[in-house]
């Protein structure tokens, strides 16, 4: 956004050029925009609005797995490519950690009862609010301390 001083200089320049018979007008060229497709699960979703398609945003969106090609073609790369697929298609993968198997579920009988030494999390900021951990009978005894400034 131009400052008032820059606008004044521009207006003076326009007046000088007008005196010499040269007309000056603004040329508004908006940034390029395009339809992007976002991967969701095993399918693709058309983005509801046209998104920027300049060089910076194209690289950013493609790194997130989005594409400009409508997904009816069979040449699309899945949203979460494996390391082999990323190498094959030349896709940069940022912050991808190996997916570990989920831990086995804990049976209800094996869930340990809360001890008195856990960090209490209260249901509200009020005095007397109960701890949200099942089986804990502790209530808030001190006033809630907000963030320090």
N, C-alpha and C. Protein backbone atom coordinates (compact mmCIF):
# COMPACT_ATOMS: atom_id res chain seq x y z
N UNK A 1 0.85 -1.17 0.00
CA UNK A 1 0.00 0.00 0.00
C UNK A 1 0.90 1.23 0.00
N UNK A 2 0.70 2.14 -0.93
CA UNK A 2 1.55 3.33 -0.99
C UNK A 2 1.25 4.29 0.15
N UNK A 3 2.28 4.99 0.57
CA UNK A 3 2.13 5.99 1.63
C UNK A 3 1.52 7.26 1.03
N UNK A 4 0.99 8.14 1.86
CA UNK A 4 0.44 9.41 1.33
C UNK A 4 1.48 10.23 0.57
N UNK A 5 2.74 10.18 1.02
CA UNK A 5 3.79 10.93 0.33
C UNK A 5 4.02 10.34 -1.07
N UNK A 6 4.02 9.02 -1.19
CA UNK A 6 4.20 8.38 -2.49
C UNK A 6 3.03 8.70 -3.42
N UNK A 7 1.81 8.76 -2.87
CA UNK A 7 0.65 9.12 -3.68
C UNK A 7 0.76 10.55 -4.20
N UNK A 8 1.27 11.45 -3.35
CA UNK A 8 1.42 12.85 -3.77
C UNK A 8 2.45 12.96 -4.90
N UNK A 9 3.57 12.25 -4.76
CA UNK A 9 4.60 12.27 -5.80
C UNK A 9 4.02 11.72 -7.11
N UNK A 10 3.25 10.67 -7.02
CA UNK A 10 2.65 10.06 -8.22
C UNK A 10 1.68 11.04 -8.89
N UNK A 11 0.88 11.72 -8.06
CA UNK A 11 -0.09 12.68 -8.61
C UNK A 11 0.64 13.83 -9.31
N UNK A 12 1.72 14.32 -8.68
CA UNK A 12 2.51 15.39 -9.31
C UNK A 12 3.10 14.93 -10.64
N UNK A 13 3.60 13.71 -10.69
CA UNK A 13 4.16 13.17 -11.92
C UNK A 13 3.08 13.05 -13.01
N UNK A 14 1.89 12.59 -12.61
CA UNK A 14 0.79 12.49 -13.57
C UNK A 14 0.46 13.88 -14.15
N UNK A 15 0.45 14.92 -13.29
CA UNK A 15 0.14 16.28 -13.75
C UNK A 15 1.21 16.80 -14.71
N UNK A 16 2.48 16.52 -14.40
CA UNK A 16 3.57 16.95 -15.29
C UNK A 16 3.46 16.27 -16.66
N UNK A 17 3.17 14.97 -16.64
CA UNK A 17 3.04 14.23 -17.89
C UNK A 17 1.80 14.70 -18.67
N UNK A 18 0.71 15.04 -17.95
CA UNK A 18 -0.51 15.51 -18.61
C UNK A 18 -0.27 16.84 -19.31
N UNK A 19 0.55 17.70 -18.71
CA UNK A 19 0.89 18.98 -19.35
C UNK A 19 1.65 18.78 -20.66
N UNK A 20 2.38 17.68 -20.75
CA UNK A 20 3.13 17.39 -21.98
C UNK A 20 2.33 16.54 -22.96
N UNK A 21 1.07 16.20 -22.58
CA UNK A 21 0.20 15.46 -23.48
C UNK A 21 0.31 13.96 -23.35
N UNK A 22 0.89 13.47 -22.28
CA UNK A 22 1.02 12.03 -22.07
C UNK A 22 0.04 11.62 -20.97
N UNK A 23 -0.83 10.69 -21.31
CA UNK A 23 -1.81 10.20 -20.33
C UNK A 23 -1.20 9.00 -19.59
N UNK A 24 -1.34 9.00 -18.27
CA UNK A 24 -0.81 7.91 -17.43
C UNK A 24 -1.97 7.24 -16.75
N UNK A 25 -2.01 5.92 -16.81
CA UNK A 25 -3.08 5.19 -16.14
C UNK A 25 -2.50 3.97 -15.46
N UNK A 26 -3.18 3.52 -14.42
CA UNK A 26 -2.76 2.33 -13.70
C UNK A 26 -3.08 1.08 -14.52
N UNK A 27 -2.17 0.14 -14.49
CA UNK A 27 -2.43 -1.15 -15.11
C UNK A 27 -2.52 -2.16 -13.98
N UNK A 28 -3.69 -2.69 -13.79
CA UNK A 28 -3.91 -3.64 -12.70
C UNK A 28 -3.75 -5.06 -13.24
N UNK A 29 -2.71 -5.74 -12.80
CA UNK A 29 -2.51 -7.14 -13.19
C UNK A 29 -2.57 -7.99 -11.93
N UNK A 30 -3.69 -8.63 -11.69
CA UNK A 30 -3.79 -9.45 -10.49
C UNK A 30 -2.89 -10.68 -10.59
N UNK A 31 -2.56 -11.24 -9.44
CA UNK A 31 -1.74 -12.45 -9.41
C UNK A 31 -2.50 -13.60 -10.07
N UNK A 32 -1.78 -14.51 -10.75
CA UNK A 32 -2.48 -15.63 -11.39
C UNK A 32 -3.11 -16.54 -10.34
N UNK A 33 -4.30 -17.02 -10.66
CA UNK A 33 -5.02 -17.93 -9.77
C UNK A 33 -5.48 -19.13 -10.58
N UNK A 34 -5.61 -20.28 -9.91
CA UNK A 34 -5.99 -21.50 -10.61
C UNK A 34 -6.77 -22.43 -9.69
N UNK A 35 -7.40 -23.43 -10.30
CA UNK A 35 -8.14 -24.44 -9.54
C UNK A 35 -7.17 -25.50 -9.04
N UNK A 36 -7.16 -25.74 -7.75
CA UNK A 36 -6.29 -26.74 -7.14
C UNK A 36 -7.12 -27.91 -6.64
N UNK A 37 -6.51 -29.09 -6.61
CA UNK A 37 -7.15 -30.31 -6.10
C UNK A 37 -6.35 -30.78 -4.90
N UNK A 38 -7.06 -31.09 -3.80
CA UNK A 38 -6.42 -31.48 -2.55
C UNK A 38 -6.73 -32.95 -2.26
N UNK A 39 -5.71 -33.75 -1.92
CA UNK A 39 -5.98 -35.15 -1.61
C UNK A 39 -6.58 -35.28 -0.22
N UNK A 40 -7.62 -36.11 -0.10
CA UNK A 40 -8.24 -36.40 1.18
C UNK A 40 -8.49 -37.89 1.22
N UNK A 41 -7.80 -38.57 2.13
CA UNK A 41 -7.94 -40.02 2.21
C UNK A 41 -7.50 -40.66 0.91
N UNK A 42 -8.39 -41.46 0.32
CA UNK A 42 -8.08 -42.11 -0.95
C UNK A 42 -8.61 -41.33 -2.15
N UNK A 43 -9.27 -40.20 -1.91
CA UNK A 43 -9.86 -39.43 -3.00
C UNK A 43 -9.27 -38.03 -3.08
N UNK A 44 -9.89 -37.22 -3.93
CA UNK A 44 -9.44 -35.85 -4.15
C UNK A 44 -10.61 -34.90 -3.98
N UNK A 45 -10.35 -33.71 -3.47
CA UNK A 45 -11.39 -32.70 -3.25
C UNK A 45 -11.01 -31.46 -4.04
N UNK A 46 -11.99 -30.93 -4.79
CA UNK A 46 -11.78 -29.69 -5.53
C UNK A 46 -11.83 -28.55 -4.52
N UNK A 47 -10.81 -27.70 -4.49
CA UNK A 47 -10.79 -26.58 -3.56
C UNK A 47 -11.92 -25.62 -3.93
N UNK A 48 -12.64 -25.08 -2.94
CA UNK A 48 -13.82 -24.26 -3.25
C UNK A 48 -13.50 -22.94 -3.94
N UNK A 49 -12.31 -22.41 -3.75
CA UNK A 49 -11.94 -21.13 -4.35
C UNK A 49 -10.71 -21.30 -5.23
N UNK A 50 -10.52 -20.38 -6.15
CA UNK A 50 -9.29 -20.39 -6.93
C UNK A 50 -8.17 -19.89 -6.02
N UNK A 51 -7.06 -20.62 -6.00
CA UNK A 51 -5.93 -20.28 -5.15
C UNK A 51 -4.80 -19.70 -5.99
N UNK A 52 -3.86 -18.98 -5.37
CA UNK A 52 -2.75 -18.41 -6.12
C UNK A 52 -1.97 -19.47 -6.88
N UNK A 53 -1.50 -19.11 -8.07
CA UNK A 53 -0.75 -20.06 -8.90
C UNK A 53 0.58 -19.46 -9.34
N UNK A 54 1.12 -18.51 -8.56
CA UNK A 54 2.45 -17.99 -8.89
C UNK A 54 3.49 -19.05 -8.50
N UNK A 55 4.74 -18.78 -8.80
CA UNK A 55 5.80 -19.77 -8.60
C UNK A 55 5.92 -20.20 -7.13
N UNK A 56 5.85 -19.23 -6.21
CA UNK A 56 6.00 -19.55 -4.79
C UNK A 56 4.87 -20.46 -4.31
N UNK A 57 3.62 -20.07 -4.58
CA UNK A 57 2.48 -20.86 -4.11
C UNK A 57 2.38 -22.21 -4.81
N UNK A 58 2.76 -22.27 -6.09
CA UNK A 58 2.74 -23.55 -6.79
C UNK A 58 3.67 -24.54 -6.10
N UNK A 59 4.86 -24.11 -5.77
CA UNK A 59 5.81 -24.98 -5.08
C UNK A 59 5.29 -25.37 -3.70
N UNK A 60 4.70 -24.43 -2.98
CA UNK A 60 4.18 -24.68 -1.65
C UNK A 60 3.04 -25.70 -1.67
N UNK A 61 2.07 -25.49 -2.57
CA UNK A 61 0.92 -26.39 -2.63
C UNK A 61 1.31 -27.78 -3.14
N UNK A 62 2.24 -27.85 -4.10
CA UNK A 62 2.65 -29.15 -4.60
C UNK A 62 3.43 -29.93 -3.55
N UNK A 63 4.17 -29.23 -2.68
CA UNK A 63 4.86 -29.91 -1.58
C UNK A 63 3.87 -30.49 -0.59
N UNK A 64 2.67 -29.92 -0.52
CA UNK A 64 1.62 -30.44 0.36
C UNK A 64 0.82 -31.56 -0.29
N UNK A 65 1.13 -31.89 -1.55
CA UNK A 65 0.45 -32.97 -2.24
C UNK A 65 -0.69 -32.53 -3.12
N UNK A 66 -0.92 -31.24 -3.24
CA UNK A 66 -2.01 -30.73 -4.08
C UNK A 66 -1.58 -30.74 -5.54
N UNK A 67 -2.56 -30.69 -6.44
CA UNK A 67 -2.25 -30.74 -7.86
C UNK A 67 -3.16 -29.81 -8.65
N UNK A 68 -2.68 -29.40 -9.83
CA UNK A 68 -3.48 -28.59 -10.74
C UNK A 68 -4.20 -29.48 -11.76
N UNK A 69 -3.77 -30.74 -11.85
CA UNK A 69 -4.35 -31.68 -12.82
C UNK A 69 -5.62 -32.28 -12.21
N UNK A 70 -6.74 -32.25 -12.91
CA UNK A 70 -7.94 -32.90 -12.38
C UNK A 70 -7.67 -34.37 -12.10
N UNK A 71 -8.18 -34.92 -11.01
CA UNK A 71 -7.82 -36.26 -10.59
C UNK A 71 -8.40 -37.40 -11.40
N UNK A 72 -9.08 -37.15 -12.53
CA UNK A 72 -9.62 -38.25 -13.30
C UNK A 72 -8.53 -38.96 -14.10
N UNK A 73 -7.31 -38.41 -14.15
CA UNK A 73 -6.21 -39.09 -14.82
C UNK A 73 -5.60 -40.10 -13.87
N UNK A 74 -5.00 -41.13 -14.41
CA UNK A 74 -4.42 -42.17 -13.56
C UNK A 74 -3.00 -41.87 -13.15
N UNK A 75 -2.44 -40.73 -13.54
CA UNK A 75 -1.03 -40.44 -13.27
C UNK A 75 -0.82 -39.66 -11.99
N UNK A 76 -1.82 -39.59 -11.11
CA UNK A 76 -1.67 -38.81 -9.90
C UNK A 76 -0.94 -39.61 -8.82
N UNK A 77 -0.16 -38.89 -8.05
CA UNK A 77 0.57 -39.50 -6.95
C UNK A 77 -0.32 -39.46 -5.72
N UNK A 78 -0.35 -40.52 -4.91
CA UNK A 78 -1.19 -40.48 -3.70
C UNK A 78 -0.73 -39.39 -2.73
N UNK A 79 -1.62 -39.03 -1.81
CA UNK A 79 -1.35 -37.93 -0.88
C UNK A 79 -0.15 -38.21 0.01
N UNK A 80 -0.05 -39.41 0.56
CA UNK A 80 1.05 -39.75 1.45
C UNK A 80 1.95 -40.75 0.75
N UNK A 81 2.84 -40.28 -0.12
CA UNK A 81 3.68 -41.22 -0.85
C UNK A 81 4.71 -41.88 0.05
N UNK A 82 5.04 -43.11 -0.29
CA UNK A 82 6.11 -43.80 0.43
C UNK A 82 7.43 -43.20 -0.02
N UNK A 83 8.51 -43.58 0.66
CA UNK A 83 9.83 -43.05 0.30
C UNK A 83 10.21 -43.46 -1.12
N UNK A 84 9.82 -44.68 -1.52
CA UNK A 84 10.13 -45.14 -2.88
C UNK A 84 9.36 -44.32 -3.92
N UNK A 85 8.07 -44.05 -3.65
CA UNK A 85 7.27 -43.26 -4.58
C UNK A 85 7.80 -41.83 -4.67
N UNK A 86 8.20 -41.27 -3.53
CA UNK A 86 8.73 -39.91 -3.52
C UNK A 86 9.99 -39.83 -4.37
N UNK A 87 10.86 -40.85 -4.24
CA UNK A 87 12.09 -40.86 -5.03
C UNK A 87 11.75 -41.02 -6.51
N UNK A 88 10.77 -41.90 -6.83
CA UNK A 88 10.39 -42.16 -8.22
C UNK A 88 9.81 -40.91 -8.88
N UNK A 89 8.93 -40.20 -8.17
CA UNK A 89 8.28 -39.02 -8.75
C UNK A 89 9.03 -37.72 -8.48
N UNK A 90 10.08 -37.77 -7.65
CA UNK A 90 10.85 -36.57 -7.33
C UNK A 90 10.08 -35.61 -6.45
N UNK A 91 9.31 -36.12 -5.50
CA UNK A 91 8.49 -35.29 -4.62
C UNK A 91 9.28 -34.97 -3.36
N UNK A 92 9.40 -33.68 -2.99
CA UNK A 92 10.07 -33.37 -1.72
C UNK A 92 9.13 -33.68 -0.57
N UNK A 93 9.61 -34.39 0.41
CA UNK A 93 8.79 -34.73 1.58
C UNK A 93 9.41 -34.02 2.77
N UNK A 94 8.61 -33.14 3.41
CA UNK A 94 9.09 -32.40 4.57
C UNK A 94 8.50 -32.99 5.83
N UNK A 95 9.34 -33.28 6.80
CA UNK A 95 8.87 -33.70 8.13
C UNK A 95 8.11 -35.00 8.14
N UNK A 96 8.44 -35.95 7.29
CA UNK A 96 7.74 -37.23 7.29
C UNK A 96 8.48 -38.17 8.22
N UNK A 97 7.79 -38.64 9.22
CA UNK A 97 8.38 -39.58 10.17
C UNK A 97 7.88 -40.98 9.83
N UNK A 98 8.69 -42.00 10.08
CA UNK A 98 8.21 -43.36 9.81
C UNK A 98 7.00 -43.67 10.69
N UNK A 99 6.04 -44.35 10.12
CA UNK A 99 4.82 -44.67 10.84
C UNK A 99 5.04 -45.96 11.61
N UNK A 100 4.91 -45.89 12.92
CA UNK A 100 5.09 -47.07 13.76
C UNK A 100 3.75 -47.75 13.97
N UNK A 101 3.79 -49.03 14.26
CA UNK A 101 2.56 -49.77 14.53
C UNK A 101 1.96 -49.23 15.83
N UNK A 102 0.63 -49.14 15.90
CA UNK A 102 0.03 -48.63 17.13
C UNK A 102 0.26 -49.60 18.28
N UNK A 103 0.37 -49.11 19.50
CA UNK A 103 0.58 -50.00 20.64
C UNK A 103 -0.65 -50.87 20.86
N UNK A 104 -0.47 -52.05 21.44
CA UNK A 104 -1.63 -52.90 21.68
C UNK A 104 -2.58 -52.23 22.65
N UNK A 105 -3.88 -52.45 22.48
CA UNK A 105 -4.84 -51.81 23.40
C UNK A 105 -4.69 -52.37 24.81
N UNK A 106 -4.94 -51.49 25.78
CA UNK A 106 -4.85 -51.88 27.18
C UNK A 106 -6.23 -52.35 27.62
N UNK A 107 -6.26 -53.50 28.25
CA UNK A 107 -7.53 -54.01 28.76
C UNK A 107 -7.98 -53.12 29.91
N UNK A 108 -9.28 -53.09 30.15
CA UNK A 108 -9.84 -52.24 31.19
C UNK A 108 -9.30 -52.62 32.55
N UNK A 109 -9.06 -53.93 32.78
CA UNK A 109 -8.56 -54.38 34.08
C UNK A 109 -7.12 -53.91 34.32
N UNK A 110 -6.37 -53.62 33.24
CA UNK A 110 -4.96 -53.26 33.38
C UNK A 110 -4.74 -51.76 33.55
N UNK A 111 -5.78 -50.94 33.42
CA UNK A 111 -5.61 -49.49 33.55
C UNK A 111 -5.29 -49.17 34.99
N UNK A 112 -4.14 -48.54 35.23
CA UNK A 112 -3.78 -48.25 36.62
C UNK A 112 -4.67 -47.17 37.21
N UNK A 113 -4.98 -47.32 38.48
CA UNK A 113 -5.77 -46.31 39.18
C UNK A 113 -4.89 -45.09 39.39
N UNK A 114 -5.47 -43.90 39.32
CA UNK A 114 -4.66 -42.69 39.50
C UNK A 114 -4.11 -42.61 40.91
N UNK A 115 -2.85 -42.28 41.00
CA UNK A 115 -2.25 -42.11 42.31
C UNK A 115 -2.38 -40.65 42.70
N UNK A 116 -2.07 -40.34 43.92
CA UNK A 116 -2.17 -38.97 44.39
C UNK A 116 -1.06 -38.08 43.87
N UNK A 117 -0.11 -38.65 43.09
CA UNK A 117 1.04 -37.89 42.66
C UNK A 117 0.97 -37.46 41.20
N UNK A 118 -0.20 -37.50 40.58
CA UNK A 118 -0.30 -37.04 39.19
C UNK A 118 -0.56 -35.54 39.17
N UNK A 119 -0.31 -34.94 38.00
CA UNK A 119 -0.58 -33.51 37.85
C UNK A 119 -2.08 -33.35 37.66
N UNK A 120 -2.70 -32.61 38.52
CA UNK A 120 -4.16 -32.45 38.47
C UNK A 120 -4.55 -31.51 37.35
N UNK A 121 -5.58 -31.90 36.62
CA UNK A 121 -6.18 -31.07 35.57
C UNK A 121 -7.64 -30.88 35.97
N UNK A 122 -8.01 -29.65 36.21
CA UNK A 122 -9.34 -29.38 36.72
C UNK A 122 -10.31 -29.05 35.58
N UNK A 123 -11.59 -29.29 35.84
CA UNK A 123 -12.61 -29.10 34.82
C UNK A 123 -12.92 -27.63 34.54
N UNK A 124 -12.61 -26.73 35.47
CA UNK A 124 -12.83 -25.31 35.24
C UNK A 124 -11.88 -24.50 36.11
N UNK A 125 -11.98 -23.16 36.04
CA UNK A 125 -11.11 -22.28 36.80
C UNK A 125 -11.69 -21.96 38.18
N UNK A 126 -12.90 -22.43 38.47
CA UNK A 126 -13.56 -22.13 39.73
C UNK A 126 -12.90 -22.87 40.90
N UNK A 127 -12.98 -22.29 42.08
CA UNK A 127 -12.56 -23.01 43.28
C UNK A 127 -13.51 -24.17 43.50
N UNK A 128 -12.99 -25.31 43.90
CA UNK A 128 -13.83 -26.48 44.13
C UNK A 128 -14.07 -27.32 42.89
N UNK A 129 -13.50 -26.94 41.75
CA UNK A 129 -13.69 -27.73 40.51
C UNK A 129 -12.97 -29.07 40.66
N UNK A 130 -13.60 -30.18 40.25
CA UNK A 130 -12.98 -31.49 40.43
C UNK A 130 -11.89 -31.75 39.37
N UNK A 131 -10.97 -32.64 39.72
CA UNK A 131 -9.94 -33.09 38.78
C UNK A 131 -10.63 -33.97 37.74
N UNK A 132 -10.24 -33.84 36.48
CA UNK A 132 -10.91 -34.57 35.40
C UNK A 132 -10.45 -36.01 35.27
N UNK A 133 -9.37 -36.41 35.93
CA UNK A 133 -8.88 -37.78 35.84
C UNK A 133 -9.82 -38.69 36.61
N UNK A 134 -10.26 -39.77 35.96
CA UNK A 134 -11.21 -40.69 36.61
C UNK A 134 -10.61 -41.27 37.88
N UNK A 135 -11.41 -41.27 38.92
CA UNK A 135 -10.98 -41.85 40.17
C UNK A 135 -10.26 -40.89 41.09
N UNK A 136 -10.01 -39.67 40.68
CA UNK A 136 -9.33 -38.69 41.52
C UNK A 136 -10.38 -37.80 42.17
N UNK A 137 -10.30 -37.67 43.47
CA UNK A 137 -11.29 -36.90 44.21
C UNK A 137 -10.79 -35.50 44.56
N UNK A 138 -9.64 -35.12 44.06
CA UNK A 138 -9.04 -33.82 44.38
C UNK A 138 -9.87 -32.69 43.75
N UNK A 139 -10.03 -31.59 44.48
CA UNK A 139 -10.72 -30.41 43.96
C UNK A 139 -9.76 -29.23 44.02
N UNK A 140 -10.04 -28.20 43.19
CA UNK A 140 -9.18 -27.01 43.15
C UNK A 140 -9.32 -26.27 44.46
N UNK A 141 -8.16 -26.05 45.13
CA UNK A 141 -8.16 -25.37 46.42
C UNK A 141 -7.54 -23.97 46.33
N UNK A 142 -6.75 -23.73 45.28
CA UNK A 142 -6.13 -22.42 45.11
C UNK A 142 -6.74 -21.75 43.89
N UNK A 143 -6.81 -20.41 43.90
CA UNK A 143 -7.37 -19.72 42.73
C UNK A 143 -6.51 -19.96 41.49
N UNK A 144 -7.17 -19.97 40.34
CA UNK A 144 -6.47 -20.17 39.06
C UNK A 144 -5.55 -19.01 38.79
N UNK A 145 -4.32 -19.32 38.44
CA UNK A 145 -3.37 -18.26 38.09
C UNK A 145 -3.30 -18.20 36.58
N UNK A 146 -3.67 -17.05 36.02
CA UNK A 146 -3.61 -16.86 34.57
C UNK A 146 -2.17 -16.70 34.12
N UNK A 147 -2.00 -16.40 32.88
CA UNK A 147 -0.65 -16.18 32.34
C UNK A 147 -0.04 -14.96 32.99
N UNK A 148 1.24 -15.05 33.28
CA UNK A 148 1.94 -13.89 33.86
C UNK A 148 2.32 -12.94 32.72
N UNK A 149 2.25 -11.67 33.00
CA UNK A 149 2.55 -10.67 31.97
C UNK A 149 3.99 -10.29 31.97
